[in-house]
Amino acid sequence: MTERENHYPRSMMLERSNALYATLKDRVRAGNKGKVLAVDLVTGEYEIDEEQWTAIDRLNDRLGNPQIVCFRIGYKAVHSLAGGVPEEPE
């Protein structure tokens, strides 16, 4: 397995990912609540799918070496260890 180069340092990844999601969430929310949004931090290109790995694989196939972050559309987290994931406010 080849190691991927990070285009953004870890300290900037959270800031960049939150900014991208803020610009995309209104565009992708309709009809996609509960699906996974996989976003490339460098280009802002994205894929949406019911399954996280399917969205990630499609983004990898299309972009080659993306730096991916995932969101569950309409929710505050992609996964939960304790049970349910809280929804975002409308």
PDB file of N, CA and C in Angstrom:
ATOM      1  N   MET A   1       0.850  -1.171   0.000  1.00  0.00           N
ATOM      2  CA  MET A   1       0.000   0.000   0.000  1.00  0.00           C
ATOM      3  C   MET A   1       0.898   1.236   0.000  1.00  0.00           C
ATOM      4  N   THR A   2       0.606   2.181  -0.868  1.00  0.00           N
ATOM      5  CA  THR A   2       1.389   3.401  -0.921  1.00  0.00           C
ATOM      6  C   THR A   2       0.856   4.408   0.079  1.00  0.00           C
ATOM      7  N   GLU A   3       1.783   5.171   0.652  1.00  0.00           N
ATOM      8  CA  GLU A   3       1.371   6.187   1.611  1.00  0.00           C
ATOM      9  C   GLU A   3       0.953   7.439   0.861  1.00  0.00           C
ATOM     10  N   ARG A   4      -0.135   8.032   1.284  1.00  0.00           N
ATOM     11  CA  ARG A   4      -0.645   9.241   0.648  1.00  0.00           C
ATOM     12  C   ARG A   4       0.022  10.470   1.238  1.00  0.00           C
ATOM     13  N   GLU A   5       0.250  11.435   0.378  1.00  0.00           N
ATOM     14  CA  GLU A   5       0.799  12.710   0.827  1.00  0.00           C
ATOM     15  C   GLU A   5      -0.344  13.589   1.317  1.00  0.00           C
ATOM     16  N   ASN A   6      -0.191  14.183   2.488  1.00  0.00           N
ATOM     17  CA  ASN A   6      -1.183  15.119   2.988  1.00  0.00           C
ATOM     18  C   ASN A   6      -0.917  16.489   2.394  1.00  0.00           C
ATOM     19  N   HIS A   7      -1.912  17.053   1.770  1.00  0.00           N
ATOM     20  CA  HIS A   7      -1.777  18.368   1.163  1.00  0.00           C
ATOM     21  C   HIS A   7      -1.936  19.471   2.199  1.00  0.00           C
ATOM     22  N   TYR A   8      -2.673  19.177   3.244  1.00  0.00           N
ATOM     23  CA  TYR A   8      -2.875  20.125   4.338  1.00  0.00           C
ATOM     24  C   TYR A   8      -2.307  19.525   5.610  1.00  0.00           C
ATOM     25  N   PRO A   9      -1.625  20.327   6.434  1.00  0.00           N
ATOM     26  CA  PRO A   9      -1.187  19.795   7.728  1.00  0.00           C
ATOM     27  C   PRO A   9      -2.403  19.507   8.606  1.00  0.00           C
ATOM     28  N   ARG A  10      -2.244  18.593   9.524  1.00  0.00           N
ATOM     29  CA  ARG A  10      -3.356  18.200  10.399  1.00  0.00           C
ATOM     30  C   ARG A  10      -3.979  19.398  11.102  1.00  0.00           C
ATOM     31  N   SER A  11      -3.171  20.368  11.456  1.00  0.00           N
ATOM     32  CA  SER A  11      -3.696  21.531  12.167  1.00  0.00           C
ATOM     33  C   SER A  11      -4.694  22.329  11.330  1.00  0.00           C
ATOM     34  N   MET A  12      -4.601  22.229  10.003  1.00  0.00           N
ATOM     35  CA  MET A  12      -5.504  22.973   9.122  1.00  0.00           C
ATOM     36  C   MET A  12      -6.657  22.123   8.591  1.00  0.00           C
ATOM     37  N   MET A  13      -6.571  20.814   8.751  1.00  0.00           N
ATOM     38  CA  MET A  13      -7.587  19.931   8.170  1.00  0.00           C
ATOM     39  C   MET A  13      -8.985  20.196   8.725  1.00  0.00           C
ATOM     40  N   LEU A  14      -9.106  20.361  10.032  1.00  0.00           N
ATOM     41  CA  LEU A  14     -10.419  20.586  10.645  1.00  0.00           C
ATOM     42  C   LEU A  14     -11.014  21.898  10.161  1.00  0.00           C
ATOM     43  N   GLU A  15     -10.211  22.937  10.140  1.00  0.00           N
ATOM     44  CA  GLU A  15     -10.685  24.242   9.679  1.00  0.00           C
ATOM     45  C   GLU A  15     -11.135  24.180   8.219  1.00  0.00           C
ATOM     46  N   ARG A  16     -10.335  23.561   7.376  1.00  0.00           N
ATOM     47  CA  ARG A  16     -10.660  23.441   5.954  1.00  0.00           C
ATOM     48  C   ARG A  16     -11.899  22.569   5.751  1.00  0.00           C
ATOM     49  N   SER A  17     -11.993  21.455   6.461  1.00  0.00           N
ATOM     50  CA  SER A  17     -13.136  20.555   6.278  1.00  0.00           C
ATOM     51  C   SER A  17     -14.434  21.222   6.717  1.00  0.00           C
ATOM     52  N   ASN A  18     -14.415  21.935   7.831  1.00  0.00           N
ATOM     53  CA  ASN A  18     -15.619  22.631   8.293  1.00  0.00           C
ATOM     54  C   ASN A  18     -16.042  23.724   7.320  1.00  0.00           C
ATOM     55  N   ALA A  19     -15.086  24.432   6.749  1.00  0.00           N
ATOM     56  CA  ALA A  19     -15.402  25.483   5.774  1.00  0.00           C
ATOM     57  C   ALA A  19     -16.015  24.879   4.506  1.00  0.00           C
ATOM     58  N   LEU A  20     -15.467  23.765   4.041  1.00  0.00           N
ATOM     59  CA  LEU A  20     -16.024  23.119   2.846  1.00  0.00           C
ATOM     60  C   LEU A  20     -17.438  22.613   3.099  1.00  0.00           C
ATOM     61  N   TYR A  21     -17.655  21.962   4.247  1.00  0.00           N
ATOM     62  CA  TYR A  21     -18.988  21.441   4.545  1.00  0.00           C
ATOM     63  C   TYR A  21     -19.998  22.575   4.645  1.00  0.00           C
ATOM     64  N   ALA A  22     -19.602  23.692   5.226  1.00  0.00           N
ATOM     65  CA  ALA A  22     -20.505  24.840   5.340  1.00  0.00           C
ATOM     66  C   ALA A  22     -20.946  25.342   3.971  1.00  0.00           C
ATOM     67  N   THR A  23     -20.045  25.289   2.983  1.00  0.00           N
ATOM     68  CA  THR A  23     -20.408  25.757   1.639  1.00  0.00           C
ATOM     69  C   THR A  23     -21.201  24.716   0.856  1.00  0.00           C
ATOM     70  N   LEU A  24     -21.044  23.437   1.196  1.00  0.00           N
ATOM     71  CA  LEU A  24     -21.700  22.369   0.431  1.00  0.00           C
ATOM     72  C   LEU A  24     -23.021  21.890   1.009  1.00  0.00           C
ATOM     73  N   LYS A  25     -23.232  22.015   2.316  1.00  0.00           N
ATOM     74  CA  LYS A  25     -24.349  21.305   2.942  1.00  0.00           C
ATOM     75  C   LYS A  25     -25.719  21.706   2.406  1.00  0.00           C
ATOM     76  N   ASP A  26     -25.950  22.973   2.097  1.00  0.00           N
ATOM     77  CA  ASP A  26     -27.248  23.358   1.548  1.00  0.00           C
ATOM     78  C   ASP A  26     -27.459  22.792   0.151  1.00  0.00           C
ATOM     79  N   ARG A  27     -26.380  22.679  -0.611  1.00  0.00           N
ATOM     80  CA  ARG A  27     -26.451  22.153  -1.979  1.00  0.00           C
ATOM     81  C   ARG A  27     -26.729  20.652  -1.998  1.00  0.00           C
ATOM     82  N   VAL A  28     -26.201  19.912  -1.023  1.00  0.00           N
ATOM     83  CA  VAL A  28     -26.302  18.450  -1.062  1.00  0.00           C
ATOM     84  C   VAL A  28     -27.387  17.884  -0.150  1.00  0.00           C
ATOM     85  N   ARG A  29     -27.962  18.692   0.716  1.00  0.00           N
ATOM     86  CA  ARG A  29     -28.895  18.182   1.734  1.00  0.00           C
ATOM     87  C   ARG A  29     -30.175  17.575   1.154  1.00  0.00           C
ATOM     88  N   ALA A  30     -30.776  18.226   0.170  1.00  0.00           N
ATOM     89  CA  ALA A  30     -32.072  17.766  -0.365  1.00  0.00           C
ATOM     90  C   ALA A  30     -31.967  16.342  -0.925  1.00  0.00           C
ATOM     91  N   GLY A  31     -32.738  15.454  -0.342  1.00  0.00           N
ATOM     92  CA  GLY A  31     -32.798  14.070  -0.816  1.00  0.00           C
ATOM     93  C   GLY A  31     -31.624  13.202  -0.408  1.00  0.00           C
ATOM     94  N   ASN A  32     -30.688  13.736   0.358  1.00  0.00           N
ATOM     95  CA  ASN A  32     -29.500  12.970   0.731  1.00  0.00           C
ATOM     96  C   ASN A  32     -29.295  12.831   2.230  1.00  0.00           C
ATOM     97  N   LYS A  33     -30.275  13.207   3.034  1.00  0.00           N
ATOM     98  CA  LYS A  33     -30.114  13.139   4.483  1.00  0.00           C
ATOM     99  C   LYS A  33     -29.765  11.712   4.908  1.00  0.00           C
ATOM    100  N   GLY A  34     -28.716  11.605   5.710  1.00  0.00           N
ATOM    101  CA  GLY A  34     -28.262  10.310   6.200  1.00  0.00           C
ATOM    102  C   GLY A  34     -27.202   9.665   5.335  1.00  0.00           C
ATOM    103  N   LYS A  35     -27.009  10.158   4.117  1.00  0.00           N
ATOM    104  CA  LYS A  35     -25.966   9.617   3.246  1.00  0.00           C
ATOM    105  C   LYS A  35     -24.619  10.234   3.620  1.00  0.00           C
ATOM    106  N   VAL A  36     -23.540   9.598   3.137  1.00  0.00           N
ATOM    107  CA  VAL A  36     -22.191  10.067   3.432  1.00  0.00           C
ATOM    108  C   VAL A  36     -21.705  10.962   2.304  1.00  0.00           C
ATOM    109  N   LEU A  37     -21.153  12.092   2.704  1.00  0.00           N
ATOM    110  CA  LEU A  37     -20.532  13.046   1.785  1.00  0.00           C
ATOM    111  C   LEU A  37     -19.027  12.928   1.981  1.00  0.00           C
ATOM    112  N   ALA A  38     -18.313  12.456   0.959  1.00  0.00           N
ATOM    113  CA  ALA A  38     -16.849  12.374   0.994  1.00  0.00           C
ATOM    114  C   ALA A  38     -16.319  13.539   0.166  1.00  0.00           C
ATOM    115  N   VAL A  39     -15.472  14.383   0.774  1.00  0.00           N
ATOM    116  CA  VAL A  39     -14.999  15.599   0.134  1.00  0.00           C
ATOM    117  C   VAL A  39     -13.476  15.603   0.084  1.00  0.00           C
ATOM    118  N   ASP A  40     -12.924  15.994  -1.063  1.00  0.00           N
ATOM    119  CA  ASP A  40     -11.485  16.201  -1.176  1.00  0.00           C
ATOM    120  C   ASP A  40     -11.164  17.590  -0.638  1.00  0.00           C
ATOM    121  N   LEU A  41     -10.292  17.671   0.359  1.00  0.00           N
ATOM    122  CA  LEU A  41      -9.956  18.944   0.984  1.00  0.00           C
ATOM    123  C   LEU A  41      -9.234  19.893   0.043  1.00  0.00           C
ATOM    124  N   VAL A  42      -8.560  19.372  -0.964  1.00  0.00           N
ATOM    125  CA  VAL A  42      -7.783  20.220  -1.862  1.00  0.00           C
ATOM    126  C   VAL A  42      -8.664  20.856  -2.928  1.00  0.00           C
ATOM    127  N   THR A  43      -9.472  20.042  -3.603  1.00  0.00           N
ATOM    128  CA  THR A  43     -10.255  20.536  -4.743  1.00  0.00           C
ATOM    129  C   THR A  43     -11.684  20.913  -4.377  1.00  0.00           C
ATOM    130  N   GLY A  44     -12.204  20.358  -3.277  1.00  0.00           N
ATOM    131  CA  GLY A  44     -13.597  20.568  -2.924  1.00  0.00           C
ATOM    132  C   GLY A  44     -14.544  19.654  -3.671  1.00  0.00           C
ATOM    133  N   GLU A  45     -14.013  18.789  -4.535  1.00  0.00           N
ATOM    134  CA  GLU A  45     -14.866  17.829  -5.247  1.00  0.00           C
ATOM    135  C   GLU A  45     -15.365  16.792  -4.251  1.00  0.00           C
ATOM    136  N   TYR A  46     -16.531  16.208  -4.563  1.00  0.00           N
ATOM    137  CA  TYR A  46     -17.150  15.305  -3.596  1.00  0.00           C
ATOM    138  C   TYR A  46     -17.920  14.192  -4.276  1.00  0.00           C
ATOM    139  N   GLU A  47     -18.235  13.189  -3.466  1.00  0.00           N
ATOM    140  CA  GLU A  47     -19.099  12.069  -3.846  1.00  0.00           C
ATOM    141  C   GLU A  47     -20.065  11.842  -2.696  1.00  0.00           C
ATOM    142  N   ILE A  48     -21.264  11.379  -3.033  1.00  0.00           N
ATOM    143  CA  ILE A  48     -22.296  11.068  -2.034  1.00  0.00           C
ATOM    144  C   ILE A  48     -22.739   9.629  -2.247  1.00  0.00           C
ATOM    145  N   ASP A  49     -22.879   8.883  -1.144  1.00  0.00           N
ATOM    146  CA  ASP A  49     -23.366   7.511  -1.248  1.00  0.00           C
ATOM    147  C   ASP A  49     -23.918   7.077   0.106  1.00  0.00           C
ATOM    148  N   GLU A  50     -24.736   6.037   0.091  1.00  0.00           N
ATOM    149  CA  GLU A  50     -25.236   5.433   1.326  1.00  0.00           C
ATOM    150  C   GLU A  50     -24.077   4.843   2.134  1.00  0.00           C
ATOM    151  N   GLU A  51     -23.083   4.316   1.427  1.00  0.00           N
ATOM    152  CA  GLU A  51     -21.950   3.646   2.063  1.00  0.00           C
ATOM    153  C   GLU A  51     -20.708   4.532   2.006  1.00  0.00           C
ATOM    154  N   GLN A  52     -20.047   4.696   3.146  1.00  0.00           N
ATOM    155  CA  GLN A  52     -18.874   5.556   3.226  1.00  0.00           C
ATOM    156  C   GLN A  52     -17.767   5.109   2.270  1.00  0.00           C
ATOM    157  N   TRP A  53     -17.446   3.817   2.255  1.00  0.00           N
ATOM    158  CA  TRP A  53     -16.330   3.354   1.428  1.00  0.00           C
ATOM    159  C   TRP A  53     -16.628   3.455  -0.060  1.00  0.00           C
ATOM    160  N   THR A  54     -17.880   3.363  -0.451  1.00  0.00           N
ATOM    161  CA  THR A  54     -18.228   3.530  -1.861  1.00  0.00           C
ATOM    162  C   THR A  54     -17.962   4.964  -2.303  1.00  0.00           C
ATOM    163  N   ALA A  55     -18.369   5.927  -1.485  1.00  0.00           N
ATOM    164  CA  ALA A  55     -18.117   7.333  -1.802  1.00  0.00           C
ATOM    165  C   ALA A  55     -16.618   7.609  -1.846  1.00  0.00           C
ATOM    166  N   ILE A  56     -15.872   7.070  -0.889  1.00  0.00           N
ATOM    167  CA  ILE A  56     -14.419   7.262  -0.843  1.00  0.00           C
ATOM    168  C   ILE A  56     -13.759   6.630  -2.064  1.00  0.00           C
ATOM    169  N   ASP A  57     -14.147   5.404  -2.405  1.00  0.00           N
ATOM    170  CA  ASP A  57     -13.556   4.725  -3.565  1.00  0.00           C
ATOM    171  C   ASP A  57     -13.794   5.496  -4.856  1.00  0.00           C
ATOM    172  N   ARG A  58     -15.004   6.015  -5.033  1.00  0.00           N
ATOM    173  CA  ARG A  58     -15.297   6.785  -6.250  1.00  0.00           C
ATOM    174  C   ARG A  58     -14.447   8.051  -6.325  1.00  0.00           C
ATOM    175  N   LEU A  59     -14.275   8.715  -5.192  1.00  0.00           N
ATOM    176  CA  LEU A  59     -13.450   9.923  -5.157  1.00  0.00           C
ATOM    177  C   LEU A  59     -11.985   9.572  -5.437  1.00  0.00           C
ATOM    178  N   ASN A  60     -11.504   8.479  -4.869  1.00  0.00           N
ATOM    179  CA  ASN A  60     -10.141   8.022  -5.145  1.00  0.00           C
ATOM    180  C   ASN A  60      -9.951   7.694  -6.622  1.00  0.00           C
ATOM    181  N   ASP A  61     -10.897   6.990  -7.206  1.00  0.00           N
ATOM    182  CA  ASP A  61     -10.806   6.619  -8.622  1.00  0.00           C
ATOM    183  C   ASP A  61     -10.776   7.850  -9.514  1.00  0.00           C
ATOM    184  N   ARG A  62     -11.545   8.844  -9.158  1.00  0.00           N
ATOM    185  CA  ARG A  62     -11.665  10.047  -9.980  1.00  0.00           C
ATOM    186  C   ARG A  62     -10.479  10.994  -9.833  1.00  0.00           C
ATOM    187  N   LEU A  63      -9.956  11.105  -8.607  1.00  0.00           N
ATOM    188  CA  LEU A  63      -8.948  12.130  -8.347  1.00  0.00           C
ATOM    189  C   LEU A  63      -7.534  11.598  -8.129  1.00  0.00           C
ATOM    190  N   GLY A  64      -7.391  10.321  -7.887  1.00  0.00           N
ATOM    191  CA  GLY A  64      -6.055   9.754  -7.755  1.00  0.00           C
ATOM    192  C   GLY A  64      -5.466   9.823  -6.356  1.00  0.00           C
ATOM    193  N   ASN A  65      -5.269  11.001  -5.806  1.00  0.00           N
ATOM    194  CA  ASN A  65      -4.649  11.143  -4.495  1.00  0.00           C
ATOM    195  C   ASN A  65      -5.347  12.233  -3.679  1.00  0.00           C
ATOM    196  N   PRO A  66      -6.652  12.078  -3.447  1.00  0.00           N
ATOM    197  CA  PRO A  66      -7.365  13.109  -2.695  1.00  0.00           C
ATOM    198  C   PRO A  66      -7.062  13.029  -1.199  1.00  0.00           C
ATOM    199  N   GLN A  67      -7.245  14.120  -0.524  1.00  0.00           N
ATOM    200  CA  GLN A  67      -7.193  14.148   0.935  1.00  0.00           C
ATOM    201  C   GLN A  67      -8.642  14.259   1.386  1.00  0.00           C
ATOM    202  N   ILE A  68      -9.205  13.139   1.828  1.00  0.00           N
ATOM    203  CA  ILE A  68     -10.656  13.008   2.018  1.00  0.00           C
ATOM    204  C   ILE A  68     -11.067  13.186   3.465  1.00  0.00           C
ATOM    205  N   VAL A  69     -12.184  13.869   3.616  1.00  0.00           N
ATOM    206  CA  VAL A  69     -12.873  13.962   4.895  1.00  0.00           C
ATOM    207  C   VAL A  69     -14.339  13.613   4.613  1.00  0.00           C
ATOM    208  N   CYS A  70     -14.995  12.945   5.573  1.00  0.00           N
ATOM    209  CA  CYS A  70     -16.380  12.517   5.372  1.00  0.00           C
ATOM    210  C   CYS A  70     -17.326  13.161   6.382  1.00  0.00           C
ATOM    211  N   PHE A  71     -18.547  13.368   5.927  1.00  0.00           N
ATOM    212  CA  PHE A  71     -19.625  13.896   6.759  1.00  0.00           C
ATOM    213  C   PHE A  71     -20.869  13.056   6.491  1.00  0.00           C
ATOM    214  N   ARG A  72     -21.748  12.927   7.488  1.00  0.00           N
ATOM    215  CA  ARG A  72     -23.062  12.323   7.262  1.00  0.00           C
ATOM    216  C   ARG A  72     -24.026  13.490   7.128  1.00  0.00           C
ATOM    217  N   ILE A  73     -24.630  13.600   5.966  1.00  0.00           N
ATOM    218  CA  ILE A  73     -25.469  14.751   5.634  1.00  0.00           C
ATOM    219  C   ILE A  73     -26.658  14.829   6.597  1.00  0.00           C
ATOM    220  N   GLY A  74     -26.778  16.009   7.235  1.00  0.00           N
ATOM    221  CA  GLY A  74     -27.862  16.246   8.173  1.00  0.00           C
ATOM    222  C   GLY A  74     -27.603  15.803   9.596  1.00  0.00           C
ATOM    223  N   TYR A  75     -26.402  15.279   9.858  1.00  0.00           N
ATOM    224  CA  TYR A  75     -26.053  14.793  11.188  1.00  0.00           C
ATOM    225  C   TYR A  75     -24.734  15.406  11.642  1.00  0.00           C
ATOM    226  N   LYS A  76     -24.485  15.348  12.936  1.00  0.00           N
ATOM    227  CA  LYS A  76     -23.287  15.958  13.504  1.00  0.00           C
ATOM    228  C   LYS A  76     -22.051  15.065  13.419  1.00  0.00           C
ATOM    229  N   ALA A  77     -22.221  13.805  13.085  1.00  0.00           N
ATOM    230  CA  ALA A  77     -21.086  12.882  12.996  1.00  0.00           C
ATOM    231  C   ALA A  77     -21.389  11.795  11.972  1.00  0.00           C
ATOM    232  N   VAL A  78     -20.340  11.163  11.470  1.00  0.00           N
ATOM    233  CA  VAL A  78     -20.513  10.056  10.526  1.00  0.00           C
ATOM    234  C   VAL A  78     -20.868   8.786  11.282  1.00  0.00           C
ATOM    235  N   HIS A  79     -20.198   8.558  12.410  1.00  0.00           N
ATOM    236  CA  HIS A  79     -20.397   7.341  13.206  1.00  0.00           C
ATOM    237  C   HIS A  79     -20.564   7.708  14.678  1.00  0.00           C
ATOM    238  N   SER A  80     -21.085   6.762  15.447  1.00  0.00           N
ATOM    239  CA  SER A  80     -21.207   6.938  16.886  1.00  0.00           C
ATOM    240  C   SER A  80     -20.840   5.635  17.577  1.00  0.00           C
ATOM    241  N   LEU A  81     -20.085   5.751  18.632  1.00  0.00           N
ATOM    242  CA  LEU A  81     -19.751   4.567  19.427  1.00  0.00           C
ATOM    243  C   LEU A  81     -20.800   4.281  20.490  1.00  0.00           C
ATOM    244  N   ALA A  82     -21.621   5.284  20.785  1.00  0.00           N
ATOM    245  CA  ALA A  82     -22.563   5.157  21.885  1.00  0.00           C
ATOM    246  C   ALA A  82     -24.005   4.921  21.442  1.00  0.00           C
ATOM    247  N   GLY A  83     -24.248   4.823  20.170  1.00  0.00           N
ATOM    248  CA  GLY A  83     -25.620   4.659  19.709  1.00  0.00           C
ATOM    249  C   GLY A  83     -25.946   5.660  18.632  1.00  0.00           C
ATOM    250  N   GLY A  84     -27.037   6.376  18.779  1.00  0.00           N
ATOM    251  CA  GLY A  84     -27.478   7.313  17.752  1.00  0.00           C
ATOM    252  C   GLY A  84     -26.562   8.504  17.552  1.00  0.00           C
ATOM    253  N   VAL A  85     -26.640   9.071  16.369  1.00  0.00           N
ATOM    254  CA  VAL A  85     -25.895  10.290  16.030  1.00  0.00           C
ATOM    255  C   VAL A  85     -26.885  11.438  16.001  1.00  0.00           C
ATOM    256  N   PRO A  86     -26.599  12.531  16.742  1.00  0.00           N
ATOM    257  CA  PRO A  86     -27.541  13.656  16.761  1.00  0.00           C
ATOM    258  C   PRO A  86     -27.651  14.356  15.397  1.00  0.00           C
ATOM    259  N   GLU A  87     -28.862  14.773  15.083  1.00  0.00           N
ATOM    260  CA  GLU A  87     -29.080  15.498  13.836  1.00  0.00           C
ATOM    261  C   GLU A  87     -28.621  16.937  13.964  1.00  0.00           C
ATOM    262  N   GLU A  88     -28.267  17.535  12.819  1.00  0.00           N
ATOM    263  CA  GLU A  88     -27.953  18.956  12.781  1.00  0.00           C
ATOM    264  C   GLU A  88     -29.258  19.744  12.868  1.00  0.00           C
ATOM    265  N   PRO A  89     -29.219  20.942  13.416  1.00  0.00           N
ATOM    266  CA  PRO A  89     -30.416  21.772  13.366  1.00  0.00           C
ATOM    267  C   PRO A  89     -30.722  22.171  11.923  1.00  0.00           C
ATOM    268  N   GLU A  90     -31.984  22.304  11.600  1.00  0.00           N
ATOM    269  CA  GLU A  90     -32.367  22.672  10.224  1.00  0.00           C
ATOM    270  C   GLU A  90     -31.955  24.052   9.905  1.00  0.00           C
TER     271      GLU A  90
END
